[in-house]
């Protein structure tokens, strides 16, 4: 998934575009333009994308290269705080993968 992003500022969301999702409705918007729907979409985006980027950065040995996505003052800082939390979850999950056993997918059948 290719993406293009630019950091926003204390009052404006970053601009973001990816070839599979396009541009989110909140991309490049001033914080005064945000409504409930945009805030929910922003939260969902952060949970998915920060975790994905943390995982990939860990996998490719470039941890923290994508840890900063939002200005720390944008929307009183909660988007960057949430981003940091989910980025770290992605890093941790990649470094300590859960070992799945065959029985997790294919239960033992009685003979």
Protein backbone atom coordinates (compact mmCIF):
# COMPACT_ATOMS: atom_id res chain seq x y z
CA UNK A 1 0.00 0.00 0.00
CA UNK A 2 1.64 3.24 -1.14
CA UNK A 3 0.82 6.39 0.79
CA UNK A 4 1.65 10.08 0.75
CA UNK A 5 1.52 12.16 3.92
CA UNK A 6 2.55 15.58 5.14
CA UNK A 7 2.64 16.65 8.77
CA UNK A 8 -0.04 19.11 9.79
CA UNK A 9 0.35 21.81 12.39
CA UNK A 10 -1.20 22.65 15.76
CA UNK A 11 -4.53 23.56 14.11
CA UNK A 12 -4.58 21.46 10.92
CA UNK A 13 -4.67 17.70 10.36
CA UNK A 14 -1.95 16.14 8.27
CA UNK A 15 -2.76 15.47 4.65
CA UNK A 16 -2.85 11.80 3.83
CA UNK A 17 -3.53 9.74 0.73
CA UNK A 18 -3.06 6.06 0.00
CA UNK A 19 -3.79 4.13 -3.16
CA UNK A 20 -6.16 1.69 -1.47
CA UNK A 21 -8.16 4.07 0.79
CA UNK A 22 -7.84 7.41 -0.99
CA UNK A 23 -7.94 10.53 1.20
CA UNK A 24 -9.80 10.39 4.51
CA UNK A 25 -12.46 13.05 5.05
CA UNK A 26 -10.38 14.66 7.80
CA UNK A 27 -7.19 14.95 5.72
CA UNK A 28 -5.80 18.51 5.74
CA UNK A 29 -8.79 19.92 7.66
CA UNK A 30 -8.64 22.63 10.27
CA UNK A 31 -9.59 21.38 13.75
CA UNK A 32 -12.62 23.71 13.83
CA UNK A 33 -14.07 21.80 10.85
CA UNK A 34 -14.13 18.50 12.72
CA UNK A 35 -17.50 17.00 13.62
CA UNK A 36 -18.37 13.78 15.46
CA UNK A 37 -18.18 11.66 12.30
CA UNK A 38 -14.76 13.01 11.36
CA UNK A 39 -13.45 12.40 14.89
CA UNK A 40 -14.69 8.79 14.77
CA UNK A 41 -13.08 8.26 11.36
CA UNK A 42 -9.85 9.77 12.66
CA UNK A 43 -9.86 7.40 15.66
CA UNK A 44 -10.49 4.38 13.44
CA UNK A 45 -7.74 5.42 11.05
CA UNK A 46 -5.24 5.87 13.89
CA UNK A 47 -6.02 2.48 15.45
CA UNK A 48 -5.51 0.70 12.12
CA UNK A 49 -2.75 2.71 10.46
CA UNK A 50 -0.51 3.39 13.48
CA UNK A 51 -0.51 -0.29 14.39
CA UNK A 52 0.24 -1.28 10.79
CA UNK A 53 3.07 1.22 10.47
CA UNK A 54 4.56 0.19 13.83
CA UNK A 55 4.49 -3.45 12.75
CA UNK A 56 6.12 -2.69 9.40
CA UNK A 57 8.73 -0.37 10.89
CA UNK A 58 9.72 -3.07 13.37
CA UNK A 59 9.82 -5.72 10.65
CA UNK A 60 12.14 -3.62 8.48
CA UNK A 61 14.35 -2.37 11.33
CA UNK A 62 13.27 1.26 11.23
CA UNK A 63 11.47 1.68 14.55
CA UNK A 64 10.29 5.23 15.32
CA UNK A 65 10.63 6.48 11.75
CA UNK A 66 6.81 6.83 11.53
CA UNK A 67 6.09 7.38 15.22
CA UNK A 68 5.19 11.06 14.71
CA UNK A 69 2.10 11.56 12.55
CA UNK A 70 0.23 14.49 14.15
CA UNK A 71 1.41 17.77 15.63
CA UNK A 72 1.45 17.30 19.40
CA UNK A 73 -0.99 20.22 19.92
CA UNK A 74 -3.50 19.21 17.23
CA UNK A 75 -6.92 18.55 18.84
CA UNK A 76 -5.33 18.95 22.29
CA UNK A 77 -2.82 16.19 21.57
CA UNK A 78 -5.06 13.12 21.71
CA UNK A 79 -4.51 12.04 18.06
CA UNK A 80 -0.71 11.91 18.49
CA UNK A 81 -1.03 10.20 21.88
CA UNK A 82 -3.33 7.55 20.40
CA UNK A 83 -1.02 7.20 17.39
CA UNK A 84 1.98 6.62 19.67
CA UNK A 85 0.09 4.00 21.70
CA UNK A 86 -1.03 2.00 18.65
CA UNK A 87 2.31 2.40 16.89
CA UNK A 88 3.97 0.81 19.93
CA UNK A 89 1.37 -1.99 19.94
CA UNK A 90 2.29 -2.74 16.32
CA UNK A 91 6.00 -2.79 17.16
CA UNK A 92 5.41 -5.08 20.15
CA UNK A 93 3.19 -7.50 18.26
CA UNK A 94 5.75 -7.82 15.48
CA UNK A 95 8.59 -8.43 17.94
CA UNK A 96 6.66 -10.95 20.03
CA UNK A 97 4.36 -12.77 17.64
CA UNK A 98 1.76 -15.06 19.12
CA UNK A 99 2.61 -18.66 18.38
CA UNK A 100 -0.42 -20.38 16.97
CA UNK A 101 -0.84 -24.10 17.20
CA UNK A 102 -2.49 -26.21 14.53
CA UNK A 103 -5.33 -26.94 16.98
CA UNK A 104 -6.15 -23.21 17.00
CA UNK A 105 -7.27 -23.55 13.38
CA UNK A 106 -7.93 -27.24 12.92
CA UNK A 107 -9.49 -28.90 15.96
CA UNK A 108 -8.52 -32.49 16.65
CA UNK A 109 -11.12 -34.84 15.28
CA UNK A 110 -12.02 -38.09 17.02
CA UNK A 111 -11.13 -41.17 15.03
